[in-house]
Amino acid sequence: MNWYENTIKLRIEWTSYCNAACPGCIRNIRGDKINPLLQMHHLDEDTWNQLITDIQDMNIVEVDFNGSVGDMIMHPRCTEFLHQLVTLKPRTFIRIATNGGARSTDFWQEMGTILSDQPHIVAFAIDGLEDTHHIHRRRTTYERVVENMMAFKSTGGVAKWVYTIFDHNVHQIE
């Protein structure tokens, strides 16, 4: 089997950084200190450029940024790298998962603009309403995440609300 010709989906980890401290996440110890086994690192430009070169002629139909230990939004060159990807692969579906609590509304509007002509979806993790969201998505606020999601949508971004059910928020589903 030729992996190069048969690879149609990629999952990319740009960073191990995250602004949140969710208790169940492997990147920290029960929502507190960063796991000492985790190396804090952002994907460097040379590695990104090599990846872009390598996938240029591949039939990639989807790129997924669903960080196992980091939120891609935390990468300092997130918008620049994303712009390069959508320019190279304009019909490739972009899937992003984020806690949505980082960055300014200006950043999120720029993200929406970059992705507006690209097939995409950004899943914002909002685990409850104002009074419960922060219990699991520590170091984020409901208000900030909703504000960022609305800024993203205002410039053409397609967003969805991802809700993890816990005992403390199950009553808010309706």
C-alpha atoms as a PDB file:
ATOM      1  CA  MET A   1       0.000   0.000   0.000  1.00  0.00           C
ATOM      2  CA  ASN A   2       1.288   3.438  -0.892  1.00  0.00           C
ATOM      3  CA  TRP A   3       0.572   5.662   2.126  1.00  0.00           C
ATOM      4  CA  TYR A   4       1.334   8.824   0.160  1.00  0.00           C
ATOM      5  CA  GLU A   5      -1.349   8.155  -2.447  1.00  0.00           C
ATOM      6  CA  ASN A   6      -3.868   6.757   0.052  1.00  0.00           C
ATOM      7  CA  THR A   7      -3.638   9.408   2.756  1.00  0.00           C
ATOM      8  CA  ILE A   8      -6.677  11.674   2.525  1.00  0.00           C
ATOM      9  CA  LYS A   9      -6.966  13.008   6.085  1.00  0.00           C
ATOM     10  CA  LEU A  10      -4.411  14.589   8.374  1.00  0.00           C
ATOM     11  CA  ARG A  11      -4.530  15.428  12.074  1.00  0.00           C
ATOM     12  CA  ILE A  12      -1.992  18.080  12.967  1.00  0.00           C
ATOM     13  CA  GLU A  13      -0.720  19.076  16.404  1.00  0.00           C
ATOM     14  CA  TRP A  14       0.709  22.591  16.140  1.00  0.00           C
ATOM     15  CA  THR A  15       1.337  23.128  19.816  1.00  0.00           C
ATOM     16  CA  SER A  16       1.294  21.651  23.289  1.00  0.00           C
ATOM     17  CA  TYR A  17       0.185  24.966  24.783  1.00  0.00           C
ATOM     18  CA  CYS A  18      -3.340  25.572  26.026  1.00  0.00           C
ATOM     19  CA  ASN A  19      -4.887  28.422  27.978  1.00  0.00           C
ATOM     20  CA  ALA A  20      -7.316  26.134  29.830  1.00  0.00           C
ATOM     21  CA  ALA A  21      -6.716  23.695  32.647  1.00  0.00           C
ATOM     22  CA  CYS A  22      -9.396  21.046  32.270  1.00  0.00           C
ATOM     23  CA  PRO A  23      -9.154  18.454  35.074  1.00  0.00           C
ATOM     24  CA  GLY A  24      -9.430  15.460  32.727  1.00  0.00           C
ATOM     25  CA  CYS A  25      -6.760  16.622  30.296  1.00  0.00           C
ATOM     26  CA  ILE A  26      -3.461  14.779  30.084  1.00  0.00           C
ATOM     27  CA  ARG A  27      -1.555  18.052  29.725  1.00  0.00           C
ATOM     28  CA  ASN A  28      -1.994  18.910  33.390  1.00  0.00           C
ATOM     29  CA  ILE A  29      -2.391  17.237  36.753  1.00  0.00           C
ATOM     30  CA  ARG A  30      -6.087  17.304  37.732  1.00  0.00           C
ATOM     31  CA  GLY A  31      -6.575  20.792  36.340  1.00  0.00           C
ATOM     32  CA  ASP A  32      -3.598  22.289  38.142  1.00  0.00           C
ATOM     33  CA  LYS A  33       0.083  22.191  37.245  1.00  0.00           C
ATOM     34  CA  ILE A  34       1.321  21.230  33.781  1.00  0.00           C
ATOM     35  CA  ASN A  35       2.240  17.573  33.503  1.00  0.00           C
ATOM     36  CA  PRO A  36       6.053  17.430  33.952  1.00  0.00           C
ATOM     37  CA  LEU A  37       6.245  14.761  31.210  1.00  0.00           C
ATOM     38  CA  LEU A  38       4.784  17.168  28.654  1.00  0.00           C
ATOM     39  CA  GLN A  39       7.266  19.074  26.531  1.00  0.00           C
ATOM     40  CA  MET A  40       6.012  22.604  25.894  1.00  0.00           C
ATOM     41  CA  HIS A  41       6.561  23.262  22.209  1.00  0.00           C
ATOM     42  CA  HIS A  42       5.132  25.034  19.161  1.00  0.00           C
ATOM     43  CA  LEU A  43       5.556  23.582  15.665  1.00  0.00           C
ATOM     44  CA  ASP A  44       8.396  25.514  14.057  1.00  0.00           C
ATOM     45  CA  GLU A  45       8.293  27.213  10.673  1.00  0.00           C
ATOM     46  CA  ASP A  46      10.752  24.807   9.016  1.00  0.00           C
ATOM     47  CA  THR A  47       8.683  21.765   9.980  1.00  0.00           C
ATOM     48  CA  TRP A  48       5.479  23.480   8.846  1.00  0.00           C
ATOM     49  CA  ASN A  49       7.012  24.460   5.503  1.00  0.00           C
ATOM     50  CA  GLN A  50       8.234  20.889   4.982  1.00  0.00           C
ATOM     51  CA  LEU A  51       4.752  19.533   5.721  1.00  0.00           C
ATOM     52  CA  ILE A  52       3.142  22.015   3.327  1.00  0.00           C
ATOM     53  CA  THR A  53       5.617  20.987   0.639  1.00  0.00           C
ATOM     54  CA  ASP A  54       5.032  17.279   1.293  1.00  0.00           C
ATOM     55  CA  ILE A  55       1.229  17.477   1.047  1.00  0.00           C
ATOM     56  CA  GLN A  56       1.094  19.821  -1.927  1.00  0.00           C
ATOM     57  CA  ASP A  57       0.385  17.051  -4.442  1.00  0.00           C
ATOM     58  CA  MET A  58      -1.533  14.750  -2.093  1.00  0.00           C
ATOM     59  CA  ASN A  59      -5.275  14.256  -2.332  1.00  0.00           C
ATOM     60  CA  ILE A  60      -5.953  15.538   1.181  1.00  0.00           C
ATOM     61  CA  VAL A  61      -9.690  16.049   1.735  1.00  0.00           C
ATOM     62  CA  GLU A  62      -9.621  16.969   5.438  1.00  0.00           C
ATOM     63  CA  VAL A  63      -7.209  18.493   7.934  1.00  0.00           C
ATOM     64  CA  ASP A  64      -8.149  18.151  11.589  1.00  0.00           C
ATOM     65  CA  PHE A  65      -6.712  20.371  14.309  1.00  0.00           C
ATOM     66  CA  ASN A  66      -8.017  18.586  17.390  1.00  0.00           C
ATOM     67  CA  GLY A  67      -5.136  18.844  19.794  1.00  0.00           C
ATOM     68  CA  SER A  68      -4.574  15.986  22.168  1.00  0.00           C
ATOM     69  CA  VAL A  69      -2.555  18.216  24.469  1.00  0.00           C
ATOM     70  CA  GLY A  70      -2.762  21.717  23.039  1.00  0.00           C
ATOM     71  CA  ASP A  71      -5.127  24.187  21.431  1.00  0.00           C
ATOM     72  CA  MET A  72      -3.935  25.245  17.956  1.00  0.00           C
ATOM     73  CA  ILE A  73      -5.170  28.769  18.664  1.00  0.00           C
ATOM     74  CA  MET A  74      -2.277  29.139  21.105  1.00  0.00           C
ATOM     75  CA  HIS A  75       0.324  28.857  18.341  1.00  0.00           C
ATOM     76  CA  PRO A  76       1.836  32.335  17.840  1.00  0.00           C
ATOM     77  CA  ARG A  77       1.691  31.963  14.044  1.00  0.00           C
ATOM     78  CA  CYS A  78      -1.706  30.273  13.901  1.00  0.00           C
ATOM     79  CA  THR A  79      -3.348  32.611  11.403  1.00  0.00           C
ATOM     80  CA  GLU A  80      -0.280  32.774   9.166  1.00  0.00           C
ATOM     81  CA  PHE A  81       0.077  28.983   8.985  1.00  0.00           C
ATOM     82  CA  LEU A  82      -3.656  28.515   8.478  1.00  0.00           C
ATOM     83  CA  HIS A  83      -3.661  31.042   5.640  1.00  0.00           C
ATOM     84  CA  GLN A  84      -0.838  29.100   3.959  1.00  0.00           C
ATOM     85  CA  LEU A  85      -2.829  25.882   4.249  1.00  0.00           C
ATOM     86  CA  VAL A  86      -6.069  27.254   2.797  1.00  0.00           C
ATOM     87  CA  THR A  87      -4.150  28.898  -0.039  1.00  0.00           C
ATOM     88  CA  LEU A  88      -2.467  25.589  -0.863  1.00  0.00           C
ATOM     89  CA  LYS A  89      -5.554  23.392  -0.385  1.00  0.00           C
ATOM     90  CA  PRO A  90      -8.615  25.587  -1.085  1.00  0.00           C
ATOM     91  CA  ARG A  91     -11.140  22.723  -1.236  1.00  0.00           C
ATOM     92  CA  THR A  92      -9.829  20.781   1.756  1.00  0.00           C
ATOM     93  CA  PHE A  93     -12.192  20.612   4.727  1.00  0.00           C
ATOM     94  CA  ILE A  94     -10.669  22.224   7.831  1.00  0.00           C
ATOM     95  CA  ARG A  95     -11.868  20.956  11.212  1.00  0.00           C
ATOM     96  CA  ILE A  96     -10.749  22.768  14.363  1.00  0.00           C
ATOM     97  CA  ALA A  97     -11.565  21.990  17.991  1.00  0.00           C
ATOM     98  CA  THR A  98     -10.902  24.733  20.537  1.00  0.00           C
ATOM     99  CA  ASN A  99     -11.928  25.824  23.987  1.00  0.00           C
ATOM    100  CA  GLY A 100     -12.345  29.266  22.386  1.00  0.00           C
ATOM    101  CA  GLY A 101     -11.203  31.121  25.480  1.00  0.00           C
ATOM    102  CA  ALA A 102      -7.912  32.414  24.108  1.00  0.00           C
ATOM    103  CA  ARG A 103      -7.199  35.453  21.964  1.00  0.00           C
ATOM    104  CA  SER A 104      -9.128  38.608  21.162  1.00  0.00           C
ATOM    105  CA  THR A 105     -12.274  39.077  19.106  1.00  0.00           C
ATOM    106  CA  ASP A 106     -10.049  40.685  16.430  1.00  0.00           C
ATOM    107  CA  PHE A 107      -8.100  37.428  16.199  1.00  0.00           C
ATOM    108  CA  TRP A 108     -11.321  35.437  15.860  1.00  0.00           C
ATOM    109  CA  GLN A 109     -12.622  37.765  13.162  1.00  0.00           C
ATOM    110  CA  GLU A 110      -9.383  37.235  11.261  1.00  0.00           C
ATOM    111  CA  MET A 111      -9.814  33.456  11.629  1.00  0.00           C
ATOM    112  CA  GLY A 112     -13.349  33.750  10.242  1.00  0.00           C
ATOM    113  CA  THR A 113     -12.086  35.761   7.288  1.00  0.00           C
ATOM    114  CA  ILE A 114      -9.308  33.258   6.519  1.00  0.00           C
ATOM    115  CA  LEU A 115     -11.744  30.347   6.584  1.00  0.00           C
ATOM    116  CA  SER A 116     -14.802  32.064   5.072  1.00  0.00           C
ATOM    117  CA  ASP A 117     -14.295  30.660   1.551  1.00  0.00           C
ATOM    118  CA  GLN A 118     -12.939  27.332   2.775  1.00  0.00           C
ATOM    119  CA  PRO A 119     -15.080  24.342   3.763  1.00  0.00           C
ATOM    120  CA  HIS A 120     -14.647  24.264   7.534  1.00  0.00           C
ATOM    121  CA  ILE A 121     -16.109  23.976  10.999  1.00  0.00           C
ATOM    122  CA  VAL A 122     -14.731  25.208  14.292  1.00  0.00           C
ATOM    123  CA  ALA A 123     -16.050  23.401  17.354  1.00  0.00           C
ATOM    124  CA  PHE A 124     -16.126  25.618  20.432  1.00  0.00           C
ATOM    125  CA  ALA A 125     -16.165  23.629  23.679  1.00  0.00           C
ATOM    126  CA  ILE A 126     -18.741  25.310  25.889  1.00  0.00           C
ATOM    127  CA  ASP A 127     -19.591  22.976  28.751  1.00  0.00           C
ATOM    128  CA  GLY A 128     -22.584  24.632  30.326  1.00  0.00           C
ATOM    129  CA  LEU A 129     -23.813  28.163  30.741  1.00  0.00           C
ATOM    130  CA  GLU A 130     -22.390  31.132  32.643  1.00  0.00           C
ATOM    131  CA  ASP A 131     -22.626  29.460  36.028  1.00  0.00           C
ATOM    132  CA  THR A 132     -21.204  26.027  35.097  1.00  0.00           C
ATOM    133  CA  HIS A 133     -18.911  26.300  32.049  1.00  0.00           C
ATOM    134  CA  HIS A 134     -15.826  27.221  34.102  1.00  0.00           C
ATOM    135  CA  ILE A 135     -16.117  24.157  36.372  1.00  0.00           C
ATOM    136  CA  HIS A 136     -14.527  21.919  33.741  1.00  0.00           C
ATOM    137  CA  ARG A 137     -13.075  24.435  31.248  1.00  0.00           C
ATOM    138  CA  ARG A 138     -10.950  26.064  33.924  1.00  0.00           C
ATOM    139  CA  ARG A 139      -9.221  29.355  33.094  1.00  0.00           C
ATOM    140  CA  THR A 140     -11.889  30.107  30.489  1.00  0.00           C
ATOM    141  CA  THR A 141     -15.156  31.976  30.841  1.00  0.00           C
ATOM    142  CA  TYR A 142     -18.476  31.376  29.170  1.00  0.00           C
ATOM    143  CA  GLU A 143     -18.775  35.063  28.254  1.00  0.00           C
ATOM    144  CA  ARG A 144     -15.371  35.169  26.559  1.00  0.00           C
ATOM    145  CA  VAL A 145     -15.886  31.955  24.594  1.00  0.00           C
ATOM    146  CA  VAL A 146     -19.309  33.054  23.339  1.00  0.00           C
ATOM    147  CA  GLU A 147     -17.925  36.492  22.438  1.00  0.00           C
ATOM    148  CA  ASN A 148     -15.069  34.881  20.465  1.00  0.00           C
ATOM    149  CA  MET A 149     -17.416  32.444  18.732  1.00  0.00           C
ATOM    150  CA  MET A 150     -19.725  35.278  17.672  1.00  0.00           C
ATOM    151  CA  ALA A 151     -16.753  37.318  16.391  1.00  0.00           C
ATOM    152  CA  PHE A 152     -15.634  34.304  14.352  1.00  0.00           C
ATOM    153  CA  LYS A 153     -19.115  33.854  12.881  1.00  0.00           C
ATOM    154  CA  SER A 154     -19.421  37.572  12.064  1.00  0.00           C
ATOM    155  CA  THR A 155     -16.784  37.306   9.316  1.00  0.00           C
ATOM    156  CA  GLY A 156     -17.927  34.090   7.692  1.00  0.00           C
ATOM    157  CA  GLY A 157     -16.773  31.459  10.159  1.00  0.00           C
ATOM    158  CA  VAL A 158     -18.859  28.328  10.642  1.00  0.00           C
ATOM    159  CA  ALA A 159     -19.032  27.402  14.307  1.00  0.00           C
ATOM    160  CA  LYS A 160     -20.652  24.721  16.368  1.00  0.00           C
ATOM    161  CA  TRP A 161     -21.152  24.439  20.101  1.00  0.00           C
ATOM    162  CA  VAL A 162     -19.717  21.243  21.587  1.00  0.00           C
ATOM    163  CA  TYR A 163     -21.129  20.460  25.009  1.00  0.00           C
ATOM    164  CA  THR A 164     -19.645  17.818  27.274  1.00  0.00           C
ATOM    165  CA  ILE A 165     -22.227  16.592  29.758  1.00  0.00           C
ATOM    166  CA  PHE A 166     -21.270  16.432  33.425  1.00  0.00           C
ATOM    167  CA  ASP A 167     -23.328  16.083  36.608  1.00  0.00           C
ATOM    168  CA  HIS A 168     -22.920  19.825  37.202  1.00  0.00           C
ATOM    169  CA  ASN A 169     -24.331  20.910  33.793  1.00  0.00           C
ATOM    170  CA  VAL A 170     -26.722  18.169  32.676  1.00  0.00           C
ATOM    171  CA  HIS A 171     -29.688  20.225  33.890  1.00  0.00           C
ATOM    172  CA  GLN A 172     -28.804  22.979  31.374  1.00  0.00           C
ATOM    173  CA  ILE A 173     -29.038  20.917  28.186  1.00  0.00           C
ATOM    174  CA  GLU A 174     -32.498  22.134  27.226  1.00  0.00           C
END
